[in-house]
Structure formats: C-alpha cells, structure tokens
N, C-alpha and C. Protein backbone atom coordinates (compact mmCIF):
# COMPACT_ATOMS: atom_id res chain seq x y z
N MET A 1 -6.99 12.71 22.93
CA MET A 1 -6.29 11.47 22.66
C MET A 1 -5.10 11.75 21.76
N THR A 2 -3.93 11.28 22.14
CA THR A 2 -2.73 11.44 21.33
C THR A 2 -2.69 10.34 20.28
N THR A 3 -2.51 10.73 19.04
CA THR A 3 -2.44 9.75 17.96
C THR A 3 -1.09 9.84 17.27
N ALA A 4 -0.80 8.85 16.48
CA ALA A 4 0.41 8.88 15.67
C ALA A 4 0.17 9.74 14.45
N ASN A 5 1.20 10.37 13.98
CA ASN A 5 1.17 11.13 12.74
C ASN A 5 1.69 10.18 11.66
N ILE A 6 0.78 9.52 10.95
CA ILE A 6 1.14 8.48 10.00
C ILE A 6 1.17 9.03 8.58
N GLU A 7 2.23 8.68 7.88
CA GLU A 7 2.34 9.03 6.47
C GLU A 7 2.68 7.76 5.69
N LEU A 8 1.87 7.48 4.67
CA LEU A 8 2.07 6.31 3.83
C LEU A 8 2.96 6.68 2.64
N LEU A 9 3.87 5.79 2.29
CA LEU A 9 4.73 5.97 1.13
C LEU A 9 4.61 4.73 0.25
N ARG A 10 4.20 4.95 -1.01
CA ARG A 10 4.16 3.82 -1.94
C ARG A 10 5.57 3.53 -2.43
N HIS A 11 5.88 2.27 -2.58
CA HIS A 11 7.18 1.86 -3.12
C HIS A 11 7.42 2.49 -4.49
N GLY A 12 8.66 2.49 -4.93
CA GLY A 12 9.02 3.00 -6.24
C GLY A 12 8.77 1.99 -7.34
N ASP A 13 9.10 2.39 -8.54
CA ASP A 13 8.87 1.58 -9.73
C ASP A 13 9.69 0.29 -9.69
N THR A 14 9.09 -0.79 -10.19
CA THR A 14 9.78 -2.08 -10.28
C THR A 14 10.08 -2.46 -11.72
N GLY A 15 9.56 -1.68 -12.65
CA GLY A 15 9.74 -2.00 -14.06
C GLY A 15 8.74 -3.03 -14.56
N GLN A 16 7.83 -3.47 -13.71
CA GLN A 16 6.83 -4.47 -14.08
C GLN A 16 5.52 -3.78 -14.41
N ARG A 17 4.78 -4.30 -15.38
CA ARG A 17 3.52 -3.68 -15.79
C ARG A 17 2.38 -4.70 -15.72
N SER A 18 2.03 -5.04 -14.49
CA SER A 18 0.91 -5.95 -14.27
C SER A 18 0.52 -5.82 -12.80
N TYR A 19 -0.55 -6.49 -12.42
CA TYR A 19 -0.88 -6.57 -11.01
C TYR A 19 0.18 -7.44 -10.35
N ARG A 20 1.08 -6.85 -9.60
CA ARG A 20 2.19 -7.59 -9.00
C ARG A 20 1.76 -8.25 -7.69
N GLY A 21 0.83 -7.61 -6.99
CA GLY A 21 0.32 -8.21 -5.76
C GLY A 21 1.42 -8.60 -4.81
N GLN A 22 1.44 -9.86 -4.44
CA GLN A 22 2.41 -10.33 -3.46
C GLN A 22 3.63 -11.00 -4.09
N LEU A 23 3.83 -10.79 -5.40
CA LEU A 23 5.08 -11.20 -6.02
C LEU A 23 6.18 -10.31 -5.44
N ASP A 24 7.33 -10.88 -5.15
CA ASP A 24 8.37 -10.14 -4.42
C ASP A 24 9.38 -9.50 -5.37
N ASP A 25 8.93 -8.49 -6.09
CA ASP A 25 9.77 -7.80 -7.07
C ASP A 25 10.75 -6.85 -6.39
N ALA A 26 11.92 -6.72 -7.00
CA ALA A 26 12.90 -5.73 -6.57
C ALA A 26 12.57 -4.39 -7.22
N LEU A 27 13.05 -3.33 -6.61
CA LEU A 27 12.94 -2.01 -7.21
C LEU A 27 13.87 -1.89 -8.40
N SER A 28 13.44 -1.12 -9.40
CA SER A 28 14.34 -0.77 -10.50
C SER A 28 15.23 0.38 -10.02
N GLU A 29 16.26 0.70 -10.79
CA GLU A 29 17.09 1.87 -10.43
C GLU A 29 16.23 3.13 -10.35
N GLN A 30 15.27 3.23 -11.29
CA GLN A 30 14.36 4.37 -11.27
C GLN A 30 13.55 4.38 -9.96
N GLY A 31 13.10 3.21 -9.52
CA GLY A 31 12.34 3.10 -8.29
C GLY A 31 13.13 3.57 -7.07
N TRP A 32 14.41 3.17 -7.00
CA TRP A 32 15.27 3.63 -5.90
C TRP A 32 15.40 5.16 -5.94
N ALA A 33 15.63 5.71 -7.13
CA ALA A 33 15.78 7.17 -7.27
C ALA A 33 14.49 7.89 -6.88
N GLN A 34 13.35 7.35 -7.29
CA GLN A 34 12.05 7.96 -6.93
C GLN A 34 11.89 8.03 -5.41
N LEU A 35 12.18 6.93 -4.73
CA LEU A 35 12.00 6.89 -3.28
C LEU A 35 12.98 7.82 -2.57
N ARG A 36 14.21 7.80 -2.99
CA ARG A 36 15.21 8.67 -2.35
C ARG A 36 14.82 10.14 -2.51
N ALA A 37 14.30 10.51 -3.67
CA ALA A 37 13.85 11.89 -3.88
C ALA A 37 12.61 12.21 -3.07
N ALA A 38 11.72 11.24 -2.90
CA ALA A 38 10.45 11.48 -2.20
C ALA A 38 10.63 11.82 -0.73
N VAL A 39 11.69 11.34 -0.10
CA VAL A 39 11.84 11.54 1.34
C VAL A 39 12.69 12.76 1.70
N VAL A 40 13.30 13.38 0.71
CA VAL A 40 14.12 14.57 0.97
C VAL A 40 13.25 15.65 1.60
N GLY A 41 13.73 16.22 2.70
CA GLY A 41 13.02 17.31 3.36
C GLY A 41 11.93 16.85 4.32
N HIS A 42 11.75 15.55 4.48
CA HIS A 42 10.74 15.01 5.39
C HIS A 42 11.44 14.35 6.57
N ALA A 43 10.77 14.35 7.71
CA ALA A 43 11.34 13.75 8.91
C ALA A 43 10.30 12.86 9.59
N TRP A 44 10.78 11.73 10.11
CA TRP A 44 9.93 10.80 10.84
C TRP A 44 10.68 10.31 12.06
N ASP A 45 9.95 9.71 12.98
CA ASP A 45 10.54 9.17 14.20
C ASP A 45 10.69 7.65 14.14
N ALA A 46 9.99 7.01 13.21
CA ALA A 46 10.04 5.56 13.08
C ALA A 46 9.56 5.19 11.67
N VAL A 47 9.94 3.98 11.25
CA VAL A 47 9.55 3.46 9.94
C VAL A 47 8.96 2.06 10.14
N VAL A 48 7.81 1.83 9.50
CA VAL A 48 7.21 0.50 9.47
C VAL A 48 7.00 0.18 8.00
N SER A 49 7.29 -1.07 7.61
CA SER A 49 7.25 -1.40 6.19
C SER A 49 6.65 -2.77 5.94
N SER A 50 6.06 -2.90 4.76
CA SER A 50 5.71 -4.20 4.20
C SER A 50 6.99 -5.05 4.14
N THR A 51 6.83 -6.35 4.24
CA THR A 51 7.98 -7.24 4.15
C THR A 51 8.44 -7.50 2.72
N LEU A 52 7.63 -7.13 1.73
CA LEU A 52 8.04 -7.35 0.34
C LEU A 52 9.22 -6.44 0.02
N GLN A 53 10.21 -6.97 -0.70
CA GLN A 53 11.49 -6.26 -0.87
C GLN A 53 11.37 -4.90 -1.53
N ARG A 54 10.37 -4.68 -2.38
CA ARG A 54 10.24 -3.38 -3.03
C ARG A 54 9.92 -2.27 -2.02
N CYS A 55 9.48 -2.65 -0.84
CA CYS A 55 9.26 -1.71 0.26
C CYS A 55 10.37 -1.85 1.32
N ALA A 56 10.61 -3.08 1.75
CA ALA A 56 11.47 -3.34 2.91
C ALA A 56 12.92 -2.91 2.70
N ARG A 57 13.44 -3.10 1.50
CA ARG A 57 14.85 -2.74 1.29
C ARG A 57 15.06 -1.24 1.37
N PHE A 58 14.13 -0.47 0.79
CA PHE A 58 14.26 0.98 0.91
C PHE A 58 14.04 1.42 2.35
N ALA A 59 13.04 0.84 3.03
CA ALA A 59 12.76 1.20 4.42
C ALA A 59 13.99 0.95 5.29
N ALA A 60 14.69 -0.17 5.06
CA ALA A 60 15.89 -0.48 5.82
C ALA A 60 17.00 0.53 5.55
N GLU A 61 17.16 0.91 4.28
CA GLU A 61 18.17 1.91 3.93
C GLU A 61 17.87 3.24 4.63
N LEU A 62 16.62 3.68 4.54
CA LEU A 62 16.23 4.96 5.14
C LEU A 62 16.41 4.94 6.66
N ALA A 63 15.93 3.88 7.30
CA ALA A 63 16.04 3.77 8.76
C ALA A 63 17.51 3.77 9.19
N ASP A 64 18.34 3.05 8.45
CA ASP A 64 19.76 2.98 8.77
C ASP A 64 20.42 4.35 8.61
N GLN A 65 20.14 5.03 7.50
CA GLN A 65 20.75 6.34 7.24
C GLN A 65 20.35 7.38 8.27
N ARG A 66 19.11 7.30 8.75
CA ARG A 66 18.61 8.32 9.67
C ARG A 66 18.58 7.88 11.13
N GLY A 67 19.03 6.67 11.40
CA GLY A 67 19.06 6.18 12.77
C GLY A 67 17.67 5.99 13.37
N LEU A 68 16.73 5.53 12.56
CA LEU A 68 15.34 5.36 13.00
C LEU A 68 15.03 3.90 13.28
N PRO A 69 14.14 3.65 14.23
CA PRO A 69 13.70 2.27 14.43
C PRO A 69 12.88 1.81 13.23
N LEU A 70 13.04 0.54 12.86
CA LEU A 70 12.35 -0.05 11.73
C LEU A 70 11.66 -1.32 12.20
N ARG A 71 10.41 -1.46 11.80
CA ARG A 71 9.68 -2.71 12.04
C ARG A 71 9.05 -3.14 10.73
N LEU A 72 9.21 -4.41 10.37
CA LEU A 72 8.57 -4.97 9.18
C LEU A 72 7.28 -5.66 9.60
N ASP A 73 6.25 -5.49 8.79
CA ASP A 73 4.94 -6.07 9.10
C ASP A 73 4.35 -6.67 7.83
N ALA A 74 4.24 -7.98 7.80
CA ALA A 74 3.73 -8.69 6.61
C ALA A 74 2.29 -8.31 6.30
N ARG A 75 1.54 -7.79 7.28
CA ARG A 75 0.15 -7.40 7.04
C ARG A 75 0.04 -6.19 6.11
N LEU A 76 1.13 -5.48 5.89
CA LEU A 76 1.14 -4.32 5.00
C LEU A 76 1.40 -4.70 3.54
N ALA A 77 1.48 -5.99 3.25
CA ALA A 77 1.71 -6.45 1.87
C ALA A 77 0.54 -6.04 0.97
N GLU A 78 0.82 -6.04 -0.31
CA GLU A 78 -0.18 -5.71 -1.31
C GLU A 78 -1.29 -6.76 -1.34
N TYR A 79 -2.40 -6.39 -1.93
CA TYR A 79 -3.53 -7.29 -2.18
C TYR A 79 -3.04 -8.47 -3.01
N HIS A 80 -3.54 -9.66 -2.70
CA HIS A 80 -3.19 -10.84 -3.50
C HIS A 80 -4.21 -10.98 -4.63
N PHE A 81 -3.75 -10.79 -5.87
CA PHE A 81 -4.63 -10.76 -7.04
C PHE A 81 -4.97 -12.14 -7.59
N GLY A 82 -4.64 -13.20 -6.88
CA GLY A 82 -5.01 -14.54 -7.33
C GLY A 82 -4.46 -14.86 -8.70
N ASP A 83 -5.33 -15.38 -9.58
CA ASP A 83 -4.91 -15.80 -10.92
C ASP A 83 -4.44 -14.64 -11.80
N TRP A 84 -4.74 -13.41 -11.43
CA TRP A 84 -4.34 -12.25 -12.22
C TRP A 84 -2.96 -11.74 -11.84
N GLN A 85 -2.41 -12.24 -10.75
CA GLN A 85 -1.13 -11.74 -10.27
C GLN A 85 -0.04 -12.03 -11.30
N GLY A 86 0.66 -10.99 -11.73
CA GLY A 86 1.75 -11.12 -12.68
C GLY A 86 1.34 -11.14 -14.14
N VAL A 87 0.04 -11.11 -14.42
CA VAL A 87 -0.44 -11.12 -15.80
C VAL A 87 -0.52 -9.68 -16.30
N PRO A 88 0.09 -9.37 -17.44
CA PRO A 88 0.02 -7.99 -17.96
C PRO A 88 -1.43 -7.51 -18.09
N ILE A 89 -1.65 -6.24 -17.75
CA ILE A 89 -2.99 -5.65 -17.80
C ILE A 89 -3.59 -5.79 -19.21
N GLU A 90 -2.77 -5.59 -20.24
CA GLU A 90 -3.25 -5.71 -21.62
C GLU A 90 -3.80 -7.12 -21.89
N THR A 91 -3.11 -8.13 -21.36
CA THR A 91 -3.56 -9.51 -21.52
C THR A 91 -4.88 -9.73 -20.79
N LEU A 92 -4.97 -9.19 -19.57
CA LEU A 92 -6.21 -9.31 -18.81
C LEU A 92 -7.36 -8.61 -19.54
N ALA A 93 -7.09 -7.44 -20.06
CA ALA A 93 -8.13 -6.68 -20.77
C ALA A 93 -8.62 -7.46 -21.99
N GLU A 94 -7.71 -8.10 -22.68
CA GLU A 94 -8.08 -8.87 -23.87
C GLU A 94 -8.79 -10.17 -23.50
N ARG A 95 -8.24 -10.86 -22.53
CA ARG A 95 -8.73 -12.18 -22.16
C ARG A 95 -9.94 -12.14 -21.21
N ASP A 96 -9.90 -11.20 -20.24
CA ASP A 96 -10.91 -11.14 -19.18
C ASP A 96 -11.47 -9.72 -19.02
N GLY A 97 -11.68 -9.03 -20.14
CA GLY A 97 -12.09 -7.63 -20.09
C GLY A 97 -13.33 -7.36 -19.28
N ASP A 98 -14.36 -8.18 -19.44
CA ASP A 98 -15.60 -7.98 -18.67
C ASP A 98 -15.35 -8.16 -17.18
N ALA A 99 -14.61 -9.21 -16.82
CA ALA A 99 -14.31 -9.47 -15.41
C ALA A 99 -13.45 -8.34 -14.83
N LEU A 100 -12.51 -7.83 -15.61
CA LEU A 100 -11.66 -6.73 -15.16
C LEU A 100 -12.50 -5.49 -14.89
N GLY A 101 -13.43 -5.18 -15.79
CA GLY A 101 -14.32 -4.04 -15.60
C GLY A 101 -15.18 -4.18 -14.36
N ARG A 102 -15.69 -5.38 -14.12
CA ARG A 102 -16.50 -5.63 -12.91
C ARG A 102 -15.66 -5.46 -11.65
N PHE A 103 -14.42 -5.95 -11.70
CA PHE A 103 -13.51 -5.81 -10.55
C PHE A 103 -13.27 -4.33 -10.24
N TRP A 104 -12.97 -3.54 -11.26
CA TRP A 104 -12.72 -2.11 -11.04
C TRP A 104 -13.95 -1.40 -10.47
N ALA A 105 -15.12 -1.79 -10.93
CA ALA A 105 -16.36 -1.15 -10.47
C ALA A 105 -16.75 -1.58 -9.06
N ASP A 106 -16.53 -2.85 -8.73
CA ASP A 106 -16.93 -3.37 -7.42
C ASP A 106 -16.02 -4.52 -7.03
N PRO A 107 -14.83 -4.19 -6.46
CA PRO A 107 -13.86 -5.24 -6.15
C PRO A 107 -14.33 -6.20 -5.05
N VAL A 108 -15.28 -5.77 -4.24
CA VAL A 108 -15.78 -6.65 -3.19
C VAL A 108 -16.62 -7.78 -3.80
N ALA A 109 -17.53 -7.42 -4.68
CA ALA A 109 -18.42 -8.41 -5.29
C ALA A 109 -17.77 -9.19 -6.43
N HIS A 110 -16.74 -8.61 -7.05
CA HIS A 110 -16.15 -9.24 -8.25
C HIS A 110 -14.62 -9.30 -8.16
N PRO A 111 -14.08 -10.02 -7.18
CA PRO A 111 -12.62 -10.13 -7.08
C PRO A 111 -12.06 -11.00 -8.20
N PRO A 112 -10.77 -10.89 -8.47
CA PRO A 112 -10.16 -11.78 -9.46
C PRO A 112 -10.28 -13.24 -8.99
N PRO A 113 -10.27 -14.18 -9.92
CA PRO A 113 -10.35 -15.59 -9.53
C PRO A 113 -9.17 -15.97 -8.63
N GLY A 114 -9.48 -16.61 -7.51
CA GLY A 114 -8.44 -17.06 -6.59
C GLY A 114 -7.83 -15.96 -5.74
N ALA A 115 -8.40 -14.75 -5.77
CA ALA A 115 -7.83 -13.61 -5.05
C ALA A 115 -8.21 -13.62 -3.57
N GLU A 116 -7.47 -12.83 -2.83
CA GLU A 116 -7.76 -12.56 -1.43
C GLU A 116 -9.11 -11.84 -1.35
N THR A 117 -9.90 -12.12 -0.34
CA THR A 117 -11.15 -11.38 -0.18
C THR A 117 -10.85 -9.96 0.31
N PHE A 118 -11.73 -9.03 0.00
CA PHE A 118 -11.51 -7.67 0.48
C PHE A 118 -11.68 -7.58 1.98
N ALA A 119 -12.50 -8.45 2.55
CA ALA A 119 -12.64 -8.47 4.01
C ALA A 119 -11.31 -8.85 4.66
N ALA A 120 -10.62 -9.83 4.09
CA ALA A 120 -9.32 -10.23 4.62
C ALA A 120 -8.28 -9.13 4.42
N PHE A 121 -8.28 -8.50 3.25
CA PHE A 121 -7.36 -7.40 2.94
C PHE A 121 -7.57 -6.26 3.92
N ARG A 122 -8.81 -5.84 4.06
CA ARG A 122 -9.13 -4.76 4.99
C ARG A 122 -8.76 -5.15 6.42
N GLY A 123 -9.07 -6.36 6.81
CA GLY A 123 -8.79 -6.81 8.17
C GLY A 123 -7.32 -6.76 8.52
N ARG A 124 -6.46 -7.25 7.62
CA ARG A 124 -5.03 -7.25 7.95
C ARG A 124 -4.45 -5.84 7.91
N LEU A 125 -4.92 -5.00 6.96
CA LEU A 125 -4.41 -3.63 6.92
C LEU A 125 -4.84 -2.82 8.13
N THR A 126 -6.10 -2.93 8.52
CA THR A 126 -6.56 -2.15 9.68
C THR A 126 -5.89 -2.64 10.96
N ALA A 127 -5.65 -3.94 11.08
CA ALA A 127 -4.94 -4.44 12.26
C ALA A 127 -3.51 -3.89 12.30
N ALA A 128 -2.84 -3.84 11.14
CA ALA A 128 -1.49 -3.28 11.08
C ALA A 128 -1.49 -1.81 11.45
N LEU A 129 -2.45 -1.05 10.91
CA LEU A 129 -2.51 0.39 11.21
C LEU A 129 -2.89 0.64 12.67
N ASP A 130 -3.75 -0.18 13.23
CA ASP A 130 -4.10 -0.04 14.65
C ASP A 130 -2.85 -0.20 15.52
N ARG A 131 -2.02 -1.18 15.19
CA ARG A 131 -0.79 -1.38 15.97
C ARG A 131 0.16 -0.21 15.78
N ILE A 132 0.31 0.26 14.54
CA ILE A 132 1.19 1.41 14.28
C ILE A 132 0.73 2.63 15.08
N ALA A 133 -0.57 2.89 15.06
CA ALA A 133 -1.13 4.03 15.79
C ALA A 133 -0.93 3.88 17.29
N ASP A 134 -1.11 2.67 17.80
CA ASP A 134 -0.96 2.42 19.23
C ASP A 134 0.49 2.60 19.66
N GLU A 135 1.42 2.06 18.89
CA GLU A 135 2.84 2.17 19.22
C GLU A 135 3.41 3.55 18.95
N GLY A 136 2.81 4.27 18.01
CA GLY A 136 3.39 5.53 17.56
C GLY A 136 2.76 6.78 18.13
N LYS A 137 2.04 6.66 19.22
CA LYS A 137 1.35 7.84 19.79
C LYS A 137 2.32 9.01 19.97
N GLY A 138 1.94 10.13 19.37
CA GLY A 138 2.74 11.35 19.49
C GLY A 138 3.98 11.36 18.61
N ARG A 139 4.15 10.35 17.77
CA ARG A 139 5.33 10.29 16.91
C ARG A 139 4.93 10.34 15.44
N ARG A 140 5.89 10.69 14.61
CA ARG A 140 5.71 10.70 13.15
C ARG A 140 6.21 9.36 12.62
N VAL A 141 5.31 8.61 11.99
CA VAL A 141 5.64 7.27 11.52
C VAL A 141 5.47 7.20 10.00
N LEU A 142 6.53 6.76 9.32
CA LEU A 142 6.46 6.51 7.89
C LEU A 142 6.12 5.05 7.69
N VAL A 143 5.09 4.78 6.87
CA VAL A 143 4.67 3.42 6.56
C VAL A 143 4.92 3.20 5.07
N VAL A 144 5.85 2.31 4.75
CA VAL A 144 6.19 2.02 3.36
C VAL A 144 5.37 0.81 2.91
N THR A 145 4.51 1.03 1.93
CA THR A 145 3.58 -0.01 1.53
C THR A 145 3.27 0.07 0.03
N HIS A 146 2.11 -0.38 -0.37
CA HIS A 146 1.78 -0.61 -1.78
C HIS A 146 0.57 0.21 -2.22
N GLY A 147 0.43 0.34 -3.55
CA GLY A 147 -0.65 1.14 -4.11
C GLY A 147 -2.04 0.69 -3.70
N GLY A 148 -2.32 -0.60 -3.77
CA GLY A 148 -3.64 -1.10 -3.38
C GLY A 148 -3.92 -0.89 -1.91
N ALA A 149 -2.90 -1.09 -1.08
CA ALA A 149 -3.05 -0.87 0.36
C ALA A 149 -3.37 0.60 0.65
N ILE A 150 -2.66 1.50 -0.01
CA ILE A 150 -2.90 2.93 0.20
C ILE A 150 -4.30 3.30 -0.27
N ARG A 151 -4.70 2.78 -1.41
CA ARG A 151 -6.06 3.07 -1.91
C ARG A 151 -7.13 2.60 -0.93
N LEU A 152 -6.98 1.37 -0.43
CA LEU A 152 -7.97 0.87 0.51
C LEU A 152 -7.99 1.70 1.80
N LEU A 153 -6.83 2.02 2.33
CA LEU A 153 -6.77 2.81 3.57
C LEU A 153 -7.32 4.21 3.36
N ARG A 154 -7.02 4.82 2.23
CA ARG A 154 -7.59 6.14 1.93
C ARG A 154 -9.10 6.04 1.79
N CYS A 155 -9.57 4.99 1.16
CA CYS A 155 -11.01 4.77 1.01
C CYS A 155 -11.66 4.73 2.40
N LEU A 156 -11.03 4.02 3.31
CA LEU A 156 -11.57 3.92 4.67
C LEU A 156 -11.64 5.28 5.36
N VAL A 157 -10.53 6.02 5.37
CA VAL A 157 -10.51 7.28 6.11
C VAL A 157 -11.31 8.38 5.43
N GLU A 158 -11.48 8.27 4.11
CA GLU A 158 -12.24 9.29 3.39
C GLU A 158 -13.71 8.92 3.25
N GLY A 159 -14.10 7.75 3.77
CA GLY A 159 -15.49 7.32 3.72
C GLY A 159 -15.97 7.02 2.32
N ARG A 160 -15.08 6.52 1.48
CA ARG A 160 -15.41 6.24 0.08
C ARG A 160 -15.74 4.77 -0.11
N ASP A 161 -16.53 4.49 -1.12
CA ASP A 161 -16.86 3.12 -1.50
C ASP A 161 -15.63 2.48 -2.14
N TYR A 162 -15.46 1.18 -1.98
CA TYR A 162 -14.32 0.50 -2.59
C TYR A 162 -14.31 0.63 -4.11
N GLY A 163 -15.44 0.82 -4.71
CA GLY A 163 -15.50 1.03 -6.16
C GLY A 163 -14.76 2.28 -6.60
N ASP A 164 -14.47 3.19 -5.66
CA ASP A 164 -13.72 4.41 -5.96
C ASP A 164 -12.20 4.17 -6.00
N MET A 165 -11.76 3.00 -5.55
CA MET A 165 -10.33 2.76 -5.42
C MET A 165 -9.56 2.99 -6.72
N ALA A 166 -10.12 2.54 -7.83
CA ALA A 166 -9.42 2.66 -9.11
C ALA A 166 -9.20 4.12 -9.50
N GLY A 167 -10.01 5.02 -8.96
CA GLY A 167 -9.88 6.44 -9.27
C GLY A 167 -8.99 7.22 -8.32
N ILE A 168 -8.40 6.57 -7.34
CA ILE A 168 -7.51 7.24 -6.39
C ILE A 168 -6.09 7.16 -6.94
N ASP A 169 -5.50 8.31 -7.22
CA ASP A 169 -4.17 8.38 -7.82
C ASP A 169 -3.10 8.13 -6.76
N VAL A 170 -2.31 7.08 -6.96
CA VAL A 170 -1.24 6.73 -6.03
C VAL A 170 0.01 6.40 -6.85
N PRO A 171 0.70 7.43 -7.35
CA PRO A 171 1.90 7.18 -8.15
C PRO A 171 3.01 6.52 -7.33
N HIS A 172 3.95 5.91 -8.02
CA HIS A 172 5.12 5.36 -7.33
C HIS A 172 5.79 6.45 -6.50
N ALA A 173 6.25 6.08 -5.32
CA ALA A 173 7.00 6.96 -4.41
C ALA A 173 6.20 8.19 -3.97
N SER A 174 4.88 8.06 -3.92
CA SER A 174 4.05 9.18 -3.47
C SER A 174 3.76 9.05 -1.97
N LEU A 175 3.66 10.20 -1.29
CA LEU A 175 3.38 10.27 0.14
C LEU A 175 1.91 10.61 0.36
N HIS A 176 1.32 9.98 1.38
CA HIS A 176 -0.10 10.16 1.68
C HIS A 176 -0.29 10.24 3.19
N PRO A 177 -0.55 11.44 3.75
CA PRO A 177 -0.85 11.53 5.18
C PRO A 177 -2.12 10.74 5.48
N LEU A 178 -2.15 10.06 6.61
CA LEU A 178 -3.29 9.21 6.94
C LEU A 178 -3.72 9.41 8.38
N PRO A 179 -4.86 10.09 8.60
CA PRO A 179 -5.36 10.20 9.97
C PRO A 179 -5.88 8.83 10.42
N TRP A 180 -5.32 8.31 11.51
CA TRP A 180 -5.72 6.98 11.98
C TRP A 180 -5.72 6.99 13.50
N PRO A 181 -6.71 6.46 14.18
CA PRO A 181 -7.78 5.65 13.61
C PRO A 181 -8.77 6.51 12.85
N SER A 182 -9.37 5.86 11.87
CA SER A 182 -10.34 6.52 11.01
C SER A 182 -11.68 6.62 11.73
N VAL A 183 -12.35 7.74 11.56
CA VAL A 183 -13.70 7.87 12.09
C VAL A 183 -14.72 7.57 11.01
N ALA A 184 -14.27 7.55 9.76
CA ALA A 184 -15.17 7.25 8.64
C ALA A 184 -15.23 5.74 8.43
N GLY A 185 -16.14 5.33 7.63
CA GLY A 185 -16.24 3.92 7.28
C GLY A 185 -16.33 3.78 5.78
N CYS A 186 -16.05 2.61 5.29
CA CYS A 186 -16.11 2.37 3.86
C CYS A 186 -17.11 1.27 3.59
N ALA A 187 -17.90 1.45 2.57
CA ALA A 187 -18.93 0.45 2.24
C ALA A 187 -18.31 -0.82 1.71
C-alpha cells in the first residue's frame, strides 16, 4: 500500500504564555524566523495547514515560495481549552492547581471546564490525517499544526496513553515525521 510521507510542523512562537488553544494569535518575529529556519534543507510536494493564522500564514508563504499546492483544514486547529484558553499557566497553577494536575495526568477524564472533549479532538484530527494520507499517496506532505495536535497524533501512532502527552517535547517550529495511518492505538 502506498502511503503519504507526512511530516508535522508546529507553528512558531507567538509571544503568548498560556494555553492559546483556538485563539487566533499571530506569529511573533521570532516565530517567523523559527519557522523559516526549520524548513531549510527540507522538501515537500504539498502543504496542508490549520486555518489559525499562526500556522496558515506561514504555510501560505512557504507554498507560494516553493510553488506547492496548499490546502487549509480547520480540523487541524489546536485543542479548545474552554475556560482555560488564554489564561496564563501561572494563574491556572495558582487558581486551579489541583485541576491542572489532574488534566496533565489524565486529560480524557479531567478536561478543563468548558473544553472540547478528547474524543472530539481525536476524531477531527484523525479525519484530517486520513484525508491527507488518502490525497497524498506517494507524496511528501508538510502539515503545519499545533503542539497539542502533534502530541495527540504522536500518542496515537506511538501507542501511548493520553496521560503521556504532557511529556512529549514539541518545541516551536519542530518537525515530526508521522507514519499514517497508524497501526497503534491510544488508550
């Protein structure tokens, strides 16, 4: 079976220090520089990106510069953190420290108040990746997305529990090869 060669790229720095989730932040100058440096020496045949501007604007620049097809997919957006979205981590730790610890340990059982369910998050991400894999057979596809999305997808392909997500290092502008479809499952 011919599959797509998928590589995930996390957006660059936005200068914000909180769970940004689906807030539509712009990249900082540092974020633009991080992304431009991250793609040097790499080649792809197509680009698919989250619709949030911290991903989409760089994806559009890259696709335009390299003459690559670009498709935006809203299903690649970051996890929606509900009431915690945009709240500084320090504030959450002080105000909701126990809840924050439970979320990190088991995000399925202890999501933030008002947050997207992990079943919905997983469902939209896997549907997006299934389409990318189907359309990209035999091609190298760059997927520009978010830290939480990359952690969840890596958890799926590596057969890890969602409680491991907080321990998966996904720095800004980092690349992550992703074998898809995944043969592993995540608890």
